[in-house]
Amino acid sequence: DMSEYMEKHSVSRLIGAPPGYVGYDEGGALTEAVRRRPYQVVLFDEIEKAHPDVFNVLLQVLDDGRLTDGQGRTVDFRNTLIIMTSNLGSEFLV
């Protein structure tokens, strides 16, 4: 649920905290999951609620098929299926 990523600082929960910050050694929820199991489906529910910085992170994934985590490691997303849902325009549905 991307409403959990509405704040700027929440991006680090996806890719991991940068060096020197609390949680640096834990990695990010998204990057660690895909690094450990690259063949999976990732669902971003209600993507419109995410902070704009989340979109910048996802741009790298969608454009290059990879993402650099907070520890500087490259995570390969080429075998990951990404699905994004949105409620935008739902008022126009019959």
N, C-alpha and C. Protein backbone atom coordinates (compact mmCIF):
# COMPACT_ATOMS: atom_id res chain seq x y z
N ASP A 1 0.86 -1.18 0.00
CA ASP A 1 0.00 0.00 0.00
C ASP A 1 0.90 1.23 0.00
N MET A 2 0.87 1.98 -1.08
CA MET A 2 1.79 3.10 -1.24
C MET A 2 1.44 4.31 -0.39
N SER A 3 0.31 4.28 0.30
CA SER A 3 0.00 5.37 1.23
C SER A 3 0.99 5.36 2.40
N GLU A 4 1.71 4.28 2.59
CA GLU A 4 2.75 4.20 3.62
C GLU A 4 4.03 4.91 3.19
N TYR A 5 4.09 5.33 1.94
CA TYR A 5 5.28 5.98 1.40
C TYR A 5 4.97 7.39 0.92
N MET A 6 4.16 8.11 1.69
CA MET A 6 3.77 9.48 1.33
C MET A 6 4.82 10.52 1.72
N GLU A 7 5.68 10.18 2.66
CA GLU A 7 6.68 11.12 3.15
C GLU A 7 8.01 10.91 2.43
N LYS A 8 8.79 11.98 2.32
CA LYS A 8 10.07 11.94 1.62
C LYS A 8 11.02 10.91 2.23
N HIS A 9 11.07 10.87 3.55
CA HIS A 9 12.01 9.96 4.22
C HIS A 9 11.64 8.49 4.05
N SER A 10 10.41 8.21 3.66
CA SER A 10 9.98 6.82 3.54
C SER A 10 10.60 6.10 2.34
N VAL A 11 11.19 6.85 1.43
CA VAL A 11 11.86 6.23 0.28
C VAL A 11 12.98 5.31 0.76
N SER A 12 13.65 5.69 1.84
CA SER A 12 14.74 4.86 2.35
C SER A 12 14.24 3.50 2.83
N ARG A 13 12.96 3.39 3.17
CA ARG A 13 12.42 2.08 3.56
C ARG A 13 12.35 1.16 2.36
N LEU A 14 12.24 1.71 1.16
CA LEU A 14 12.19 0.89 -0.06
C LEU A 14 13.58 0.43 -0.51
N ILE A 15 14.54 1.35 -0.52
CA ILE A 15 15.85 1.03 -1.08
C ILE A 15 16.94 0.90 -0.02
N GLY A 16 16.65 1.24 1.22
CA GLY A 16 17.63 1.16 2.29
C GLY A 16 18.20 2.52 2.62
N ALA A 17 18.58 2.66 3.87
CA ALA A 17 19.14 3.93 4.35
C ALA A 17 20.56 4.12 3.82
N PRO A 18 20.95 5.37 3.56
CA PRO A 18 22.32 5.62 3.11
C PRO A 18 23.32 5.39 4.25
N PRO A 19 24.61 5.25 3.91
CA PRO A 19 25.62 5.02 4.95
C PRO A 19 25.59 6.09 6.03
N GLY A 20 25.74 5.65 7.27
CA GLY A 20 25.76 6.55 8.40
C GLY A 20 24.41 6.75 9.06
N TYR A 21 23.34 6.25 8.46
CA TYR A 21 22.01 6.40 9.02
C TYR A 21 21.57 5.11 9.69
N VAL A 22 20.63 5.25 10.62
CA VAL A 22 20.08 4.09 11.31
C VAL A 22 19.42 3.16 10.31
N GLY A 23 19.69 1.87 10.42
CA GLY A 23 19.11 0.89 9.53
C GLY A 23 19.88 0.66 8.25
N TYR A 24 21.06 1.26 8.15
CA TYR A 24 21.87 1.12 6.93
C TYR A 24 22.14 -0.34 6.59
N ASP A 25 22.47 -1.13 7.60
CA ASP A 25 22.84 -2.53 7.36
C ASP A 25 21.66 -3.45 7.10
N GLU A 26 20.44 -2.95 7.25
CA GLU A 26 19.25 -3.79 7.05
C GLU A 26 18.82 -3.86 5.59
N GLY A 27 19.14 -2.88 4.80
CA GLY A 27 18.69 -2.85 3.41
C GLY A 27 17.26 -2.37 3.31
N GLY A 28 16.77 -2.22 2.10
CA GLY A 28 15.40 -1.75 1.88
C GLY A 28 14.44 -2.90 1.64
N ALA A 29 13.17 -2.66 1.89
CA ALA A 29 12.15 -3.71 1.72
C ALA A 29 12.08 -4.17 0.27
N LEU A 30 12.07 -3.25 -0.66
CA LEU A 30 11.97 -3.61 -2.08
C LEU A 30 13.26 -4.23 -2.59
N THR A 31 14.37 -3.58 -2.35
CA THR A 31 15.64 -4.06 -2.91
C THR A 31 16.05 -5.40 -2.31
N GLU A 32 15.85 -5.58 -1.03
CA GLU A 32 16.22 -6.86 -0.40
C GLU A 32 15.34 -8.00 -0.90
N ALA A 33 14.05 -7.74 -1.05
CA ALA A 33 13.14 -8.79 -1.52
C ALA A 33 13.50 -9.24 -2.93
N VAL A 34 13.78 -8.29 -3.81
CA VAL A 34 14.11 -8.63 -5.19
C VAL A 34 15.52 -9.20 -5.30
N ARG A 35 16.43 -8.71 -4.50
CA ARG A 35 17.79 -9.25 -4.53
C ARG A 35 17.80 -10.72 -4.13
N ARG A 36 17.00 -11.07 -3.13
CA ARG A 36 16.95 -12.45 -2.65
C ARG A 36 16.15 -13.37 -3.57
N ARG A 37 15.07 -12.83 -4.15
CA ARG A 37 14.20 -13.63 -5.02
C ARG A 37 13.85 -12.80 -6.25
N PRO A 38 14.70 -12.81 -7.27
CA PRO A 38 14.48 -11.94 -8.43
C PRO A 38 13.29 -12.32 -9.30
N TYR A 39 12.84 -13.57 -9.23
CA TYR A 39 11.69 -14.01 -10.04
C TYR A 39 10.43 -13.87 -9.20
N GLN A 40 9.81 -12.70 -9.23
CA GLN A 40 8.61 -12.47 -8.44
C GLN A 40 7.76 -11.36 -9.03
N VAL A 41 6.57 -11.20 -8.45
CA VAL A 41 5.65 -10.14 -8.83
C VAL A 41 5.64 -9.12 -7.71
N VAL A 42 5.82 -7.85 -8.05
CA VAL A 42 5.77 -6.77 -7.06
C VAL A 42 4.57 -5.89 -7.39
N LEU A 43 3.70 -5.72 -6.41
CA LEU A 43 2.49 -4.92 -6.59
C LEU A 43 2.62 -3.61 -5.81
N PHE A 44 2.46 -2.49 -6.50
CA PHE A 44 2.42 -1.18 -5.87
C PHE A 44 0.96 -0.73 -5.91
N ASP A 45 0.27 -0.89 -4.79
CA ASP A 45 -1.15 -0.58 -4.70
C ASP A 45 -1.34 0.91 -4.41
N GLU A 46 -2.24 1.54 -5.14
CA GLU A 46 -2.54 2.98 -5.00
C GLU A 46 -1.26 3.82 -5.16
N ILE A 47 -0.61 3.63 -6.27
CA ILE A 47 0.67 4.27 -6.55
C ILE A 47 0.58 5.79 -6.51
N GLU A 48 -0.58 6.35 -6.78
CA GLU A 48 -0.72 7.81 -6.80
C GLU A 48 -0.50 8.45 -5.43
N LYS A 49 -0.54 7.66 -4.37
CA LYS A 49 -0.37 8.20 -3.02
C LYS A 49 1.10 8.28 -2.60
N ALA A 50 1.99 7.73 -3.38
CA ALA A 50 3.40 7.72 -3.04
C ALA A 50 4.02 9.10 -3.22
N HIS A 51 5.07 9.36 -2.45
CA HIS A 51 5.83 10.61 -2.57
C HIS A 51 6.50 10.65 -3.95
N PRO A 52 6.66 11.84 -4.54
CA PRO A 52 7.30 11.94 -5.86
C PRO A 52 8.69 11.30 -5.93
N ASP A 53 9.42 11.26 -4.82
CA ASP A 53 10.74 10.62 -4.83
C ASP A 53 10.64 9.12 -5.07
N VAL A 54 9.52 8.52 -4.70
CA VAL A 54 9.31 7.10 -4.98
C VAL A 54 9.25 6.89 -6.49
N PHE A 55 8.62 7.81 -7.19
CA PHE A 55 8.55 7.71 -8.65
C PHE A 55 9.93 7.82 -9.28
N ASN A 56 10.80 8.64 -8.70
CA ASN A 56 12.17 8.75 -9.21
C ASN A 56 12.91 7.42 -9.06
N VAL A 57 12.68 6.74 -7.94
CA VAL A 57 13.28 5.44 -7.72
C VAL A 57 12.75 4.43 -8.73
N LEU A 58 11.44 4.43 -8.90
CA LEU A 58 10.82 3.48 -9.83
C LEU A 58 11.19 3.76 -11.28
N LEU A 59 11.51 5.02 -11.59
CA LEU A 59 11.93 5.36 -12.95
C LEU A 59 13.20 4.60 -13.32
N GLN A 60 14.12 4.50 -12.38
CA GLN A 60 15.36 3.75 -12.63
C GLN A 60 15.05 2.28 -12.89
N VAL A 61 14.11 1.73 -12.14
CA VAL A 61 13.73 0.32 -12.32
C VAL A 61 13.08 0.13 -13.69
N LEU A 62 12.14 0.98 -14.03
CA LEU A 62 11.40 0.83 -15.28
C LEU A 62 12.24 1.17 -16.50
N ASP A 63 13.19 2.08 -16.35
CA ASP A 63 14.02 2.50 -17.47
C ASP A 63 15.20 1.56 -17.71
N ASP A 64 15.90 1.19 -16.63
CA ASP A 64 17.14 0.42 -16.74
C ASP A 64 17.00 -1.04 -16.34
N GLY A 65 15.92 -1.40 -15.64
CA GLY A 65 15.77 -2.77 -15.16
C GLY A 65 16.65 -3.08 -13.98
N ARG A 66 17.12 -2.05 -13.32
CA ARG A 66 17.97 -2.25 -12.13
C ARG A 66 17.80 -1.06 -11.20
N LEU A 67 18.27 -1.25 -9.98
CA LEU A 67 18.15 -0.22 -8.96
C LEU A 67 19.35 -0.30 -8.05
N THR A 68 19.90 0.83 -7.68
CA THR A 68 21.01 0.86 -6.74
C THR A 68 20.45 1.09 -5.35
N ASP A 69 20.76 0.19 -4.42
CA ASP A 69 20.22 0.31 -3.07
C ASP A 69 21.05 1.26 -2.22
N GLY A 70 20.67 1.43 -0.96
CA GLY A 70 21.34 2.35 -0.06
C GLY A 70 22.78 1.99 0.22
N GLN A 71 23.14 0.72 0.01
CA GLN A 71 24.51 0.26 0.24
C GLN A 71 25.37 0.32 -1.02
N GLY A 72 24.78 0.80 -2.11
CA GLY A 72 25.52 0.93 -3.35
C GLY A 72 25.52 -0.32 -4.21
N ARG A 73 24.77 -1.34 -3.82
CA ARG A 73 24.68 -2.57 -4.61
C ARG A 73 23.63 -2.41 -5.70
N THR A 74 23.88 -3.00 -6.85
CA THR A 74 22.91 -2.96 -7.95
C THR A 74 22.01 -4.18 -7.85
N VAL A 75 20.70 -3.94 -7.84
CA VAL A 75 19.71 -5.00 -7.76
C VAL A 75 19.06 -5.13 -9.13
N ASP A 76 19.05 -6.35 -9.67
CA ASP A 76 18.55 -6.62 -11.01
C ASP A 76 17.04 -6.89 -10.97
N PHE A 77 16.27 -6.10 -11.71
CA PHE A 77 14.81 -6.23 -11.77
C PHE A 77 14.34 -6.81 -13.11
N ARG A 78 15.25 -7.30 -13.94
CA ARG A 78 14.85 -7.76 -15.27
C ARG A 78 13.91 -8.96 -15.23
N ASN A 79 13.94 -9.74 -14.17
CA ASN A 79 13.07 -10.91 -14.06
C ASN A 79 11.91 -10.69 -13.10
N THR A 80 11.66 -9.44 -12.77
CA THR A 80 10.60 -9.08 -11.83
C THR A 80 9.44 -8.44 -12.59
N LEU A 81 8.25 -8.90 -12.32
CA LEU A 81 7.05 -8.32 -12.92
C LEU A 81 6.52 -7.25 -11.97
N ILE A 82 6.36 -6.03 -12.46
CA ILE A 82 5.90 -4.91 -11.63
C ILE A 82 4.50 -4.51 -12.07
N ILE A 83 3.59 -4.46 -11.09
CA ILE A 83 2.21 -4.07 -11.33
C ILE A 83 1.90 -2.87 -10.45
N MET A 84 1.29 -1.84 -11.03
CA MET A 84 0.89 -0.66 -10.28
C MET A 84 -0.61 -0.46 -10.44
N THR A 85 -1.29 -0.25 -9.31
CA THR A 85 -2.72 0.03 -9.36
C THR A 85 -2.97 1.46 -8.92
N SER A 86 -4.12 1.99 -9.33
CA SER A 86 -4.48 3.36 -8.98
C SER A 86 -5.99 3.49 -8.90
N ASN A 87 -6.45 4.40 -8.08
CA ASN A 87 -7.87 4.71 -7.99
C ASN A 87 -8.21 6.00 -8.73
N LEU A 88 -7.22 6.58 -9.41
CA LEU A 88 -7.48 7.80 -10.17
C LEU A 88 -8.48 7.50 -11.27
N GLY A 89 -9.47 8.35 -11.41
CA GLY A 89 -10.48 8.19 -12.44
C GLY A 89 -11.60 7.23 -12.06
N SER A 90 -11.57 6.71 -10.85
CA SER A 90 -12.60 5.74 -10.45
C SER A 90 -13.98 6.38 -10.38
N GLU A 91 -14.04 7.70 -10.20
CA GLU A 91 -15.35 8.37 -10.13
C GLU A 91 -16.05 8.39 -11.49
N PHE A 92 -15.29 8.12 -12.56
CA PHE A 92 -15.87 8.12 -13.90
C PHE A 92 -16.37 6.75 -14.33
N LEU A 93 -16.08 5.73 -13.54
CA LEU A 93 -16.53 4.37 -13.88
C LEU A 93 -18.01 4.22 -13.57
N VAL A 94 -18.68 3.47 -14.38
CA VAL A 94 -20.12 3.25 -14.18
C VAL A 94 -20.34 2.05 -13.32
